[in-house]
Amino acid sequence: MKKKGYTGDVYCTICHKVIEEGKTIEKLEHSFKDGKCMECGADEEVVKSEKDGYYEISTFDQLITYLKNVESGISGKLINDIEFRKIMMMKMTLLEEKH
């Protein structure tokens, strides 16, 4: 099953109402230049690491990478629990050690 694309809606910049509805189209293939897709803006690393149409997220860093690319239309799948409290404590400790 090939995914469909969408051209996107056009909104009024003043009242934010839809003034033109987008259309469903055939999904464009990725076209990379300098590590970014010229069609959707996704990072090449993210697209090429997709499995079964999903970017697998098992670490905090992968989650951040996914969130940076989510507007490009990629789908993510959380495959491990990510404990933010531990990660934030570790990162804060590292920052303190540098100063």
N, C-alpha and C. Protein backbone atom coordinates (compact mmCIF):
# COMPACT_ATOMS: atom_id res chain seq x y z
N MET A 1 0.84 -1.17 0.00
CA MET A 1 0.00 0.00 0.00
C MET A 1 0.90 1.24 0.00
N LYS A 2 0.75 2.06 -0.99
CA LYS A 2 1.53 3.28 -1.10
C LYS A 2 0.78 4.41 -0.39
N LYS A 3 1.49 5.15 0.45
CA LYS A 3 0.87 6.26 1.16
C LYS A 3 0.55 7.38 0.19
N LYS A 4 -0.45 8.14 0.53
CA LYS A 4 -0.84 9.30 -0.25
C LYS A 4 -0.20 10.53 0.35
N GLY A 5 -0.03 11.54 -0.48
CA GLY A 5 0.47 12.83 -0.03
C GLY A 5 -0.68 13.81 0.07
N TYR A 6 -0.39 15.00 0.54
CA TYR A 6 -1.40 16.03 0.69
C TYR A 6 -0.75 17.38 0.43
N THR A 7 -1.38 18.19 -0.40
CA THR A 7 -0.79 19.48 -0.77
C THR A 7 -0.86 20.50 0.36
N GLY A 8 -1.75 20.32 1.29
CA GLY A 8 -1.88 21.26 2.41
C GLY A 8 -2.95 22.30 2.16
N ASP A 9 -3.57 22.75 3.24
CA ASP A 9 -4.60 23.77 3.15
C ASP A 9 -3.97 25.16 3.14
N VAL A 10 -4.69 26.12 2.57
CA VAL A 10 -4.25 27.51 2.59
C VAL A 10 -5.16 28.25 3.57
N TYR A 11 -4.53 28.98 4.51
CA TYR A 11 -5.28 29.67 5.55
C TYR A 11 -5.16 31.18 5.40
N CYS A 12 -6.20 31.88 5.81
CA CYS A 12 -6.18 33.33 5.87
C CYS A 12 -5.22 33.73 7.00
N THR A 13 -4.33 34.67 6.72
CA THR A 13 -3.34 35.09 7.72
C THR A 13 -3.95 35.96 8.82
N ILE A 14 -5.17 36.42 8.60
CA ILE A 14 -5.81 37.28 9.60
C ILE A 14 -6.75 36.48 10.50
N CYS A 15 -7.69 35.75 9.90
CA CYS A 15 -8.69 35.03 10.71
C CYS A 15 -8.38 33.54 10.86
N HIS A 16 -7.39 33.05 10.13
CA HIS A 16 -6.93 31.66 10.19
C HIS A 16 -7.96 30.63 9.72
N LYS A 17 -8.94 31.06 8.94
CA LYS A 17 -9.90 30.12 8.35
C LYS A 17 -9.30 29.55 7.06
N VAL A 18 -9.72 28.34 6.73
CA VAL A 18 -9.26 27.71 5.49
C VAL A 18 -9.90 28.45 4.31
N ILE A 19 -9.05 28.94 3.40
CA ILE A 19 -9.59 29.62 2.22
C ILE A 19 -9.43 28.75 0.97
N GLU A 20 -8.59 27.72 1.08
CA GLU A 20 -8.46 26.76 -0.01
C GLU A 20 -8.03 25.42 0.58
N GLU A 21 -8.85 24.39 0.31
CA GLU A 21 -8.52 23.06 0.83
C GLU A 21 -7.46 22.40 -0.04
N GLY A 22 -6.58 21.68 0.62
CA GLY A 22 -5.55 20.94 -0.10
C GLY A 22 -6.14 19.73 -0.82
N LYS A 23 -5.30 19.10 -1.60
CA LYS A 23 -5.75 17.93 -2.37
C LYS A 23 -4.88 16.72 -2.03
N THR A 24 -5.49 15.55 -2.08
CA THR A 24 -4.74 14.31 -1.92
C THR A 24 -4.05 13.99 -3.24
N ILE A 25 -2.76 13.73 -3.16
CA ILE A 25 -1.97 13.44 -4.36
C ILE A 25 -1.13 12.18 -4.10
N GLU A 26 -0.49 11.68 -5.14
CA GLU A 26 0.46 10.59 -4.96
C GLU A 26 1.62 11.11 -4.13
N LYS A 27 2.09 10.33 -3.20
CA LYS A 27 3.18 10.76 -2.34
C LYS A 27 4.45 10.94 -3.18
N LEU A 28 5.12 12.07 -2.98
CA LEU A 28 6.36 12.34 -3.68
C LEU A 28 7.50 11.51 -3.08
N GLU A 29 8.41 11.10 -3.92
CA GLU A 29 9.60 10.40 -3.43
C GLU A 29 10.55 11.42 -2.82
N HIS A 30 11.33 10.98 -1.86
CA HIS A 30 12.32 11.87 -1.25
C HIS A 30 13.41 12.21 -2.27
N SER A 31 13.88 13.43 -2.22
CA SER A 31 14.95 13.90 -3.07
C SER A 31 15.94 14.65 -2.17
N PHE A 32 17.07 14.00 -1.85
CA PHE A 32 17.99 14.55 -0.86
C PHE A 32 19.07 15.44 -1.46
N LYS A 33 19.37 16.50 -0.72
CA LYS A 33 20.48 17.38 -1.05
C LYS A 33 21.05 17.88 0.28
N ASP A 34 22.33 17.67 0.47
CA ASP A 34 23.01 18.09 1.71
C ASP A 34 22.33 17.52 2.96
N GLY A 35 21.86 16.27 2.88
CA GLY A 35 21.30 15.59 4.05
C GLY A 35 19.85 15.90 4.36
N LYS A 36 19.18 16.73 3.54
CA LYS A 36 17.77 17.08 3.75
C LYS A 36 16.96 16.76 2.51
N CYS A 37 15.72 16.30 2.72
CA CYS A 37 14.82 16.06 1.59
C CYS A 37 14.33 17.41 1.07
N MET A 38 14.47 17.63 -0.22
CA MET A 38 14.03 18.88 -0.82
C MET A 38 12.50 18.95 -0.94
N GLU A 39 11.82 17.80 -0.79
CA GLU A 39 10.35 17.77 -0.90
C GLU A 39 9.68 18.03 0.44
N CYS A 40 10.18 17.40 1.53
CA CYS A 40 9.48 17.49 2.81
C CYS A 40 10.33 18.04 3.95
N GLY A 41 11.64 18.17 3.74
CA GLY A 41 12.51 18.73 4.76
C GLY A 41 13.05 17.73 5.77
N ALA A 42 12.71 16.45 5.63
CA ALA A 42 13.17 15.44 6.58
C ALA A 42 14.67 15.21 6.45
N ASP A 43 15.29 14.86 7.59
CA ASP A 43 16.71 14.50 7.56
C ASP A 43 16.88 13.17 6.84
N GLU A 44 17.89 13.09 6.01
CA GLU A 44 18.16 11.85 5.26
C GLU A 44 18.38 10.67 6.20
N GLU A 45 19.08 10.92 7.31
CA GLU A 45 19.34 9.86 8.30
C GLU A 45 18.04 9.25 8.82
N VAL A 46 17.03 10.08 9.06
CA VAL A 46 15.75 9.61 9.59
C VAL A 46 15.03 8.76 8.55
N VAL A 47 14.93 9.28 7.34
CA VAL A 47 14.20 8.57 6.28
C VAL A 47 14.84 7.23 5.98
N LYS A 48 16.16 7.20 5.88
CA LYS A 48 16.84 5.96 5.52
C LYS A 48 16.85 4.94 6.64
N SER A 49 16.52 5.36 7.86
CA SER A 49 16.50 4.41 8.97
C SER A 49 15.09 3.92 9.28
N GLU A 50 14.10 4.33 8.48
CA GLU A 50 12.72 3.88 8.69
C GLU A 50 12.62 2.37 8.44
N LYS A 51 11.81 1.73 9.27
CA LYS A 51 11.52 0.30 9.11
C LYS A 51 10.01 0.15 9.02
N ASP A 52 9.54 -0.50 7.98
CA ASP A 52 8.11 -0.70 7.77
C ASP A 52 7.33 0.61 7.80
N GLY A 53 7.95 1.69 7.30
CA GLY A 53 7.27 2.97 7.23
C GLY A 53 7.32 3.79 8.51
N TYR A 54 8.06 3.33 9.52
CA TYR A 54 8.17 4.03 10.79
C TYR A 54 9.62 4.29 11.15
N TYR A 55 9.88 5.43 11.78
CA TYR A 55 11.17 5.72 12.37
C TYR A 55 11.09 5.18 13.79
N GLU A 56 11.93 4.20 14.11
CA GLU A 56 11.88 3.57 15.43
C GLU A 56 12.59 4.44 16.46
N ILE A 57 11.90 4.66 17.58
CA ILE A 57 12.42 5.52 18.64
C ILE A 57 12.65 4.67 19.89
N SER A 58 13.93 4.57 20.27
CA SER A 58 14.24 3.80 21.47
C SER A 58 15.12 4.56 22.45
N THR A 59 15.59 5.75 22.05
CA THR A 59 16.42 6.56 22.93
C THR A 59 15.93 8.00 22.93
N PHE A 60 16.38 8.74 23.91
CA PHE A 60 16.03 10.15 24.02
C PHE A 60 16.50 10.91 22.78
N ASP A 61 17.72 10.65 22.34
CA ASP A 61 18.26 11.35 21.16
C ASP A 61 17.45 11.04 19.91
N GLN A 62 16.99 9.79 19.76
CA GLN A 62 16.15 9.45 18.60
C GLN A 62 14.81 10.16 18.68
N LEU A 63 14.29 10.32 19.89
CA LEU A 63 13.04 11.06 20.06
C LEU A 63 13.21 12.51 19.64
N ILE A 64 14.30 13.13 20.04
CA ILE A 64 14.57 14.52 19.66
C ILE A 64 14.71 14.63 18.14
N THR A 65 15.43 13.69 17.52
CA THR A 65 15.57 13.69 16.06
C THR A 65 14.21 13.56 15.39
N TYR A 66 13.37 12.67 15.89
CA TYR A 66 12.02 12.49 15.35
C TYR A 66 11.23 13.79 15.46
N LEU A 67 11.25 14.41 16.63
CA LEU A 67 10.49 15.64 16.85
C LEU A 67 10.95 16.77 15.93
N LYS A 68 12.23 16.80 15.62
CA LYS A 68 12.75 17.81 14.71
C LYS A 68 12.26 17.58 13.27
N ASN A 69 11.82 16.36 12.98
CA ASN A 69 11.42 16.00 11.62
C ASN A 69 9.93 15.72 11.48
N VAL A 70 9.17 15.81 12.55
CA VAL A 70 7.77 15.39 12.53
C VAL A 70 6.94 16.17 11.51
N GLU A 71 7.24 17.43 11.28
CA GLU A 71 6.45 18.21 10.33
C GLU A 71 6.64 17.75 8.89
N SER A 72 7.66 16.94 8.64
CA SER A 72 7.88 16.43 7.29
C SER A 72 6.92 15.28 6.97
N GLY A 73 6.15 14.83 7.97
CA GLY A 73 5.17 13.79 7.74
C GLY A 73 5.64 12.39 8.07
N ILE A 74 6.82 12.25 8.69
CA ILE A 74 7.30 10.91 9.03
C ILE A 74 6.45 10.34 10.16
N SER A 75 6.40 9.03 10.23
CA SER A 75 5.70 8.35 11.30
C SER A 75 6.73 7.75 12.24
N GLY A 76 6.48 7.86 13.53
CA GLY A 76 7.40 7.31 14.51
C GLY A 76 6.75 6.22 15.33
N LYS A 77 7.58 5.33 15.83
CA LYS A 77 7.08 4.25 16.67
C LYS A 77 8.02 4.12 17.87
N LEU A 78 7.47 4.32 19.07
CA LEU A 78 8.24 4.18 20.29
C LEU A 78 8.40 2.69 20.58
N ILE A 79 9.64 2.20 20.62
CA ILE A 79 9.87 0.77 20.81
C ILE A 79 10.50 0.44 22.17
N ASN A 80 10.85 1.47 22.94
CA ASN A 80 11.37 1.31 24.29
C ASN A 80 10.84 2.43 25.17
N ASP A 81 10.76 2.17 26.46
CA ASP A 81 10.42 3.24 27.39
C ASP A 81 11.60 4.20 27.47
N ILE A 82 11.30 5.47 27.56
CA ILE A 82 12.34 6.48 27.71
C ILE A 82 12.06 7.20 29.02
N GLU A 83 13.00 7.12 29.96
CA GLU A 83 12.82 7.74 31.27
C GLU A 83 13.46 9.12 31.26
N PHE A 84 12.63 10.13 31.10
CA PHE A 84 13.12 11.50 30.96
C PHE A 84 13.83 12.00 32.20
N ARG A 85 13.34 11.64 33.37
CA ARG A 85 13.94 12.14 34.60
C ARG A 85 15.41 11.75 34.69
N LYS A 86 15.71 10.48 34.42
CA LYS A 86 17.10 10.01 34.47
C LYS A 86 17.96 10.72 33.42
N ILE A 87 17.42 10.88 32.24
CA ILE A 87 18.17 11.51 31.15
C ILE A 87 18.45 12.97 31.48
N MET A 88 17.44 13.68 31.97
CA MET A 88 17.64 15.08 32.31
C MET A 88 18.65 15.24 33.44
N MET A 89 18.62 14.36 34.42
CA MET A 89 19.58 14.41 35.53
C MET A 89 21.00 14.18 35.00
N MET A 90 21.15 13.21 34.09
CA MET A 90 22.47 12.93 33.52
C MET A 90 22.97 14.13 32.73
N LYS A 91 22.11 14.73 31.91
CA LYS A 91 22.51 15.87 31.09
C LYS A 91 22.86 17.07 31.97
N MET A 92 22.11 17.30 33.04
CA MET A 92 22.40 18.41 33.94
C MET A 92 23.74 18.18 34.64
N THR A 93 24.02 16.94 35.03
CA THR A 93 25.28 16.61 35.67
C THR A 93 26.45 16.87 34.73
N LEU A 94 26.30 16.48 33.47
CA LEU A 94 27.34 16.72 32.48
C LEU A 94 27.59 18.21 32.27
N LEU A 95 26.52 18.98 32.24
CA LEU A 95 26.66 20.43 32.07
C LEU A 95 27.38 21.06 33.25
N GLU A 96 27.06 20.60 34.46
CA GLU A 96 27.71 21.12 35.65
C GLU A 96 29.19 20.77 35.67
N GLU A 97 29.54 19.57 35.20
CA GLU A 97 30.93 19.15 35.18
C GLU A 97 31.77 19.99 34.21
N LYS A 98 31.16 20.49 33.15
CA LYS A 98 31.88 21.29 32.16
C LYS A 98 32.22 22.68 32.69
N HIS A 99 31.45 23.15 33.68
CA HIS A 99 31.67 24.52 34.21
C HIS A 99 32.53 24.46 35.38
